[in-house]
Amino acid sequence: MSDPNGPTVRRRRLGSELRRLRERAGLDQLAAANHLECSTSKISRLERGQGLAKQMEMRSLLDLYRVTDEDERTAILTLHKTAAEVGWWEQAEYEEVLPSGLGVYVGLEYDARALQCWELGFVPGLLQTADYARAVVSSLPRLSTDEVDRLVKARMQRQTRLTQEKDPLELWAVIDESVLHRPLGGADVMRAQLDALAEWTARTNVTLQVYRPKDVHPGLRGSFSLLEFGPADPRIGYVDSPGGNAFLEKDKQVRVLADTFDRLRAGALDPEESAALVRSLAAEEK
């Protein structure tokens, strides 16, 4: 069992292991719930990596699932221990203000090897300046100044995955051209954002493409992301909307997003043309 990079993926890997062991033992979630004297919804959350059992509960489940091989038990209990580590996004400063589901996404993003995203309305969050991010976050309803500050700080913290020296996140972003002409925060903020985008395109782990307007194109239904991990972990799709966010994990769902992204980047300006356009717009703003 290879070791995932961070706590979010570790929890998901642990959940998959628990489900595999339960099914191998020929048991359903109700049997596991009765054994722990808990609800089936708790077992479901554990198997989706959305919670963490206590060590005593883990040992009890391994007994129920007839896991007697000491090496297998040790590997699973070790994974459980490392999954209990707390990511920076789970600290109270951020956890209290991150919208429901976004904390999980940030954890997955932190653990990801590569990220592909299509953005219809904004500069991708990982490429935003602090002032641009503030303009975006401030548009959300019912947020205090302190909450806005913490959300902006969290967004800036996320960018460290792109700039770290060892194994930085590989980002491939396709954005609608309208994003470059929407002056969020005012002219000065947008000018600085365009300059920052031009700088991002110089990094070898960041690829940016601009999609020129067309009457109908595959990205009109909305923005989305695709997260890639190690070979043992499947890709995950993520869609955010005013009605909530959704994690798409079924093969068919992920394939639809991947096909849509491939069509978008095939129809967009190539990376060199896109970088030149961004630099040109940045120069016009000065």
Protein backbone atom coordinates (compact mmCIF):
# COMPACT_ATOMS: atom_id res chain seq x y z
CA MET A 1 0.00 0.00 0.00
CA SER A 2 1.73 3.20 -1.19
CA ASP A 3 1.65 6.25 1.03
CA PRO A 4 -0.54 9.12 -0.20
CA ASN A 5 0.77 12.64 0.17
CA GLY A 6 -1.59 14.29 2.64
CA PRO A 7 -4.40 13.69 5.13
CA THR A 8 -7.34 14.17 2.77
CA VAL A 9 -6.21 11.54 0.29
CA ARG A 10 -5.12 9.28 3.15
CA ARG A 11 -8.63 9.41 4.60
CA ARG A 12 -10.14 8.60 1.24
CA ARG A 13 -7.67 5.74 0.76
CA LEU A 14 -8.49 4.46 4.25
CA GLY A 15 -12.20 4.66 3.49
CA SER A 16 -11.72 2.64 0.32
CA GLU A 17 -9.77 0.04 2.29
CA LEU A 18 -12.52 -0.23 4.90
CA ARG A 19 -15.14 -0.71 2.19
CA ARG A 20 -12.99 -3.33 0.44
CA LEU A 21 -12.43 -5.24 3.67
CA ARG A 22 -16.12 -5.13 4.59
CA GLU A 23 -17.15 -6.42 1.17
CA ARG A 24 -14.44 -9.08 1.30
CA ALA A 25 -15.93 -10.26 4.58
CA GLY A 26 -19.39 -10.46 2.97
CA LEU A 27 -20.90 -7.84 5.29
CA ASP A 28 -23.10 -4.82 4.63
CA GLN A 29 -22.92 -1.39 6.23
CA LEU A 30 -25.70 -2.26 8.65
CA ALA A 31 -23.63 -5.11 10.10
CA ALA A 32 -20.68 -2.75 10.60
CA ALA A 33 -22.95 -0.13 12.17
CA ASN A 34 -24.48 -2.67 14.55
CA HIS A 35 -20.99 -3.83 15.52
CA LEU A 36 -19.88 -0.29 16.40
CA GLU A 37 -23.33 0.63 17.77
CA CYS A 38 -23.55 3.60 15.44
CA SER A 39 -25.59 4.70 12.42
CA THR A 40 -25.10 3.37 8.91
CA SER A 41 -24.54 6.99 7.83
CA LYS A 42 -21.39 7.05 9.98
CA ILE A 43 -20.09 3.91 8.27
CA SER A 44 -20.90 5.47 4.90
CA ARG A 45 -18.99 8.65 5.81
CA LEU A 46 -15.99 6.63 6.99
CA GLU A 47 -15.93 4.68 3.73
CA ARG A 48 -16.09 7.91 1.71
CA GLY A 49 -13.18 9.36 3.68
CA GLN A 50 -15.36 12.08 5.19
CA GLY A 51 -14.70 11.13 8.77
CA LEU A 52 -12.20 9.24 10.87
CA ALA A 53 -12.89 6.39 13.26
CA LYS A 54 -11.27 6.26 16.67
CA GLN A 55 -8.37 3.84 17.00
CA MET A 56 -10.45 1.47 19.14
CA GLU A 57 -13.18 1.50 16.50
CA MET A 58 -10.63 0.78 13.77
CA ARG A 59 -9.29 -2.24 15.62
CA SER A 60 -12.83 -3.45 16.25
CA LEU A 61 -13.72 -3.15 12.56
CA LEU A 62 -10.58 -5.04 11.54
CA ASP A 63 -11.62 -7.81 13.94
CA LEU A 64 -15.14 -7.83 12.46
CA TYR A 65 -13.72 -7.98 8.94
CA ARG A 66 -11.46 -10.88 9.97
CA VAL A 67 -8.22 -9.08 9.14
CA THR A 68 -5.77 -11.38 10.91
CA ASP A 69 -2.61 -10.84 8.85
CA GLU A 70 -0.36 -8.69 11.02
CA ASP A 71 1.30 -6.89 8.09
CA GLU A 72 -2.09 -5.95 6.64
CA ARG A 73 -3.38 -4.77 10.03
CA THR A 74 -0.24 -2.73 10.65
CA ALA A 75 -0.43 -1.05 7.22
CA ILE A 76 -4.05 -0.06 7.74
CA LEU A 77 -3.52 1.19 11.29
CA THR A 78 -0.51 3.19 10.14
CA LEU A 79 -2.59 4.74 7.37
CA HIS A 80 -5.25 5.55 9.98
CA LYS A 81 -2.66 7.28 12.17
CA THR A 82 -1.30 9.46 9.34
CA ALA A 83 -4.85 10.23 8.17
CA ALA A 84 -5.48 11.82 11.56
CA GLU A 85 -2.96 14.57 10.84
CA VAL A 86 -4.49 18.04 10.50
CA GLY A 87 -4.00 20.01 7.28
CA TRP A 88 -3.53 23.78 7.39
CA TRP A 89 -7.01 24.24 5.89
CA GLU A 90 -8.51 22.37 8.87
CA GLN A 91 -7.17 24.85 11.40
CA ALA A 92 -9.88 26.95 13.03
CA GLU A 93 -8.70 30.13 11.29
CA TYR A 94 -9.73 28.68 7.94
CA GLU A 95 -12.21 25.90 8.76
CA GLU A 96 -14.63 28.39 10.29
CA VAL A 97 -14.91 30.42 7.08
CA LEU A 98 -14.45 27.92 4.24
CA PRO A 99 -17.86 27.18 2.66
CA SER A 100 -19.23 23.68 3.05
CA GLY A 101 -17.30 21.25 0.89
CA LEU A 102 -14.55 23.70 -0.02
CA GLY A 103 -12.34 22.49 2.82
CA VAL A 104 -12.46 18.99 1.33
CA TYR A 105 -11.61 20.41 -2.09
CA VAL A 106 -8.66 22.40 -0.72
CA GLY A 107 -7.36 19.24 0.94
CA LEU A 108 -7.64 17.31 -2.32
CA GLU A 109 -5.97 20.15 -4.19
CA TYR A 110 -3.11 20.11 -1.68
CA ASP A 111 -2.62 16.38 -2.25
CA ALA A 112 -3.08 16.43 -6.03
CA ARG A 113 -0.27 15.86 -8.52
CA ALA A 114 -2.01 17.78 -11.29
CA LEU A 115 -5.06 19.97 -11.72
CA GLN A 116 -6.97 20.84 -14.88
CA CYS A 117 -9.59 23.55 -14.69
CA TRP A 118 -11.98 25.42 -16.92
CA GLU A 119 -13.06 28.88 -15.75
CA LEU A 120 -15.96 30.72 -17.34
CA GLY A 121 -16.24 33.74 -15.06
CA PHE A 122 -13.08 34.39 -13.05
CA VAL A 123 -9.33 34.05 -13.08
CA PRO A 124 -8.62 30.59 -11.57
CA GLY A 125 -8.32 30.83 -7.80
CA LEU A 126 -4.78 29.49 -7.79
CA LEU A 127 -3.66 32.35 -10.07
CA GLN A 128 -5.49 35.23 -8.41
CA THR A 129 -3.75 38.18 -6.77
CA ALA A 130 -4.81 39.02 -3.22
CA ASP A 131 -6.70 42.13 -4.36
CA TYR A 132 -8.50 40.28 -7.15
CA ALA A 133 -9.37 37.46 -4.72
CA ARG A 134 -10.71 40.05 -2.29
CA ALA A 135 -12.98 41.47 -4.98
CA VAL A 136 -14.29 37.97 -5.75
CA VAL A 137 -14.79 36.94 -2.12
CA SER A 138 -16.36 40.26 -1.15
CA SER A 139 -19.18 39.57 -3.61
CA LEU A 140 -20.31 36.64 -1.48
CA PRO A 141 -23.26 37.45 0.80
CA ARG A 142 -23.14 37.98 4.57
CA LEU A 143 -19.38 37.96 5.09
CA SER A 144 -17.67 40.16 7.65
CA THR A 145 -14.41 41.95 6.88
CA ASP A 146 -12.56 39.45 9.07
CA GLU A 147 -14.09 36.50 7.20
CA VAL A 148 -13.15 38.02 3.86
CA ASP A 149 -9.58 38.52 5.11
CA ARG A 150 -9.31 34.87 6.18
CA LEU A 151 -10.74 33.55 2.91
CA VAL A 152 -8.26 35.65 0.93
CA LYS A 153 -5.44 34.41 3.15
CA ALA A 154 -6.54 30.82 2.53
CA ARG A 155 -6.52 31.42 -1.23
CA MET A 156 -3.00 32.81 -1.07
CA GLN A 157 -1.91 29.83 1.03
CA ARG A 158 -3.26 27.48 -1.63
CA GLN A 159 -0.91 29.04 -4.19
CA THR A 160 2.13 27.71 -2.36
CA ARG A 161 1.46 24.34 -4.03
CA LEU A 162 2.38 25.97 -7.33
CA THR A 163 5.59 27.55 -6.08
CA GLN A 164 7.07 24.90 -3.81
CA GLU A 165 10.46 23.64 -4.95
CA LYS A 166 9.77 19.91 -4.71
CA ASP A 167 6.95 18.40 -6.78
CA PRO A 168 4.89 21.56 -7.35
CA LEU A 169 1.31 21.17 -8.50
CA GLU A 170 0.98 20.98 -12.29
CA LEU A 171 -1.80 23.34 -13.33
CA TRP A 172 -3.42 23.45 -16.77
CA ALA A 173 -6.07 26.17 -16.91
CA VAL A 174 -8.34 27.15 -19.77
CA ILE A 175 -10.24 30.41 -19.28
CA ASP A 176 -12.91 32.18 -21.28
CA GLU A 177 -11.50 35.36 -22.84
CA SER A 178 -14.23 37.42 -21.17
CA VAL A 179 -12.42 36.81 -17.86
CA LEU A 180 -9.54 38.99 -19.07
CA HIS A 181 -11.86 41.91 -19.85
CA ARG A 182 -13.96 41.83 -16.66
CA PRO A 183 -12.35 44.47 -14.38
CA LEU A 184 -13.15 42.97 -11.00
CA GLY A 185 -12.05 45.32 -8.24
CA GLY A 186 -11.42 48.15 -10.69
CA ALA A 187 -8.85 48.99 -13.33
CA ASP A 188 -5.82 48.99 -11.02
CA VAL A 189 -6.68 45.58 -9.54
CA MET A 190 -7.24 44.09 -13.00
CA ARG A 191 -4.00 45.58 -14.32
CA ALA A 192 -2.05 43.92 -11.51
CA GLN A 193 -3.94 40.67 -12.09
CA LEU A 194 -3.02 40.63 -15.77
CA ASP A 195 0.62 41.26 -14.87
CA ALA A 196 0.48 38.37 -12.41
CA LEU A 197 -1.06 36.08 -15.03
CA ALA A 198 1.76 36.91 -17.41
CA GLU A 199 4.26 35.95 -14.71
CA TRP A 200 2.45 32.69 -13.96
CA THR A 201 2.65 31.63 -17.61
CA ALA A 202 6.46 31.74 -17.36
CA ARG A 203 6.44 28.87 -14.86
CA THR A 204 7.04 25.42 -16.31
CA ASN A 205 4.34 23.83 -14.14
CA VAL A 206 1.62 26.30 -15.19
CA THR A 207 -0.10 26.16 -18.57
CA LEU A 208 -2.71 28.78 -19.44
CA GLN A 209 -4.94 28.84 -22.50
CA VAL A 210 -7.52 31.43 -23.48
CA TYR A 211 -10.75 30.34 -25.13
CA ARG A 212 -12.04 32.93 -27.59
CA PRO A 213 -15.82 33.56 -27.60
CA LYS A 214 -17.99 31.36 -29.81
CA ASP A 215 -21.76 31.18 -30.17
CA VAL A 216 -21.88 27.76 -28.54
CA HIS A 217 -19.02 25.88 -26.95
CA PRO A 218 -18.60 22.98 -24.50
CA GLY A 219 -17.76 25.19 -21.52
CA LEU A 220 -20.98 27.21 -21.37
CA ARG A 221 -22.53 24.94 -18.75
CA GLY A 222 -20.08 26.17 -16.12
CA SER A 223 -16.66 25.93 -14.54
CA PHE A 224 -15.14 22.70 -13.25
CA SER A 225 -11.88 21.11 -12.14
CA LEU A 226 -10.24 17.71 -12.54
CA LEU A 227 -7.78 16.55 -9.89
CA GLU A 228 -5.17 13.87 -10.55
CA PHE A 229 -3.26 11.97 -7.88
CA GLY A 230 -0.94 8.99 -7.82
CA PRO A 231 -1.55 5.86 -9.91
CA ALA A 232 -3.41 4.18 -7.02
CA ASP A 233 -5.97 7.00 -6.69
CA PRO A 234 -8.58 7.77 -9.36
CA ARG A 235 -9.18 11.25 -10.76
CA ILE A 236 -11.85 13.35 -9.11
CA GLY A 237 -14.03 15.97 -10.74
CA TYR A 238 -15.27 19.04 -8.90
CA VAL A 239 -18.10 21.37 -9.89
CA ASP A 240 -18.96 24.49 -7.91
CA SER A 241 -22.24 26.36 -8.28
CA PRO A 242 -24.49 28.75 -6.33
CA GLY A 243 -26.53 25.72 -5.29
CA GLY A 244 -23.55 23.93 -3.78
CA ASN A 245 -20.53 21.92 -4.84
CA ALA A 246 -20.27 18.38 -6.08
CA PHE A 247 -17.44 15.85 -6.19
CA LEU A 248 -17.72 13.57 -9.21
CA GLU A 249 -15.96 10.24 -8.82
CA LYS A 250 -17.76 7.73 -11.04
CA ASP A 251 -15.76 6.80 -14.12
CA LYS A 252 -18.47 8.00 -16.50
CA GLN A 253 -18.75 11.38 -14.76
CA VAL A 254 -15.01 11.92 -14.79
CA ARG A 255 -14.74 10.89 -18.44
CA VAL A 256 -17.39 13.47 -19.41
CA LEU A 257 -15.44 16.25 -17.68
CA ALA A 258 -12.15 15.05 -19.15
CA ASP A 259 -13.64 14.97 -22.66
CA THR A 260 -15.09 18.46 -22.18
CA PHE A 261 -11.72 19.78 -21.01
CA ASP A 262 -9.94 18.19 -23.98
CA ARG A 263 -12.40 19.86 -26.37
CA LEU A 264 -11.92 23.21 -24.66
CA ARG A 265 -8.13 23.19 -24.81
CA ALA A 266 -8.21 21.92 -28.39
CA GLY A 267 -10.38 24.91 -29.37
CA ALA A 268 -8.47 27.50 -27.33
CA LEU A 269 -5.47 29.59 -28.29
CA ASP A 270 -2.28 27.61 -27.73
CA PRO A 271 -0.26 28.42 -24.58
CA GLU A 272 2.19 30.69 -26.41
CA GLU A 273 -0.60 32.68 -28.10
CA SER A 274 -2.48 32.87 -24.82
CA ALA A 275 0.55 34.18 -22.93
CA ALA A 276 1.12 36.77 -25.66
CA LEU A 277 -2.52 37.90 -25.42
CA VAL A 278 -2.28 38.28 -21.64
CA ARG A 279 0.95 40.30 -21.97
CA SER A 280 -0.62 42.48 -24.63
CA LEU A 281 -3.68 43.22 -22.51
CA ALA A 282 -1.49 43.94 -19.50
CA ALA A 283 0.56 46.41 -21.55
CA GLU A 284 -2.63 48.15 -22.80
CA GLU A 285 -3.75 48.72 -19.22
CA LYS A 286 -0.57 50.65 -18.35
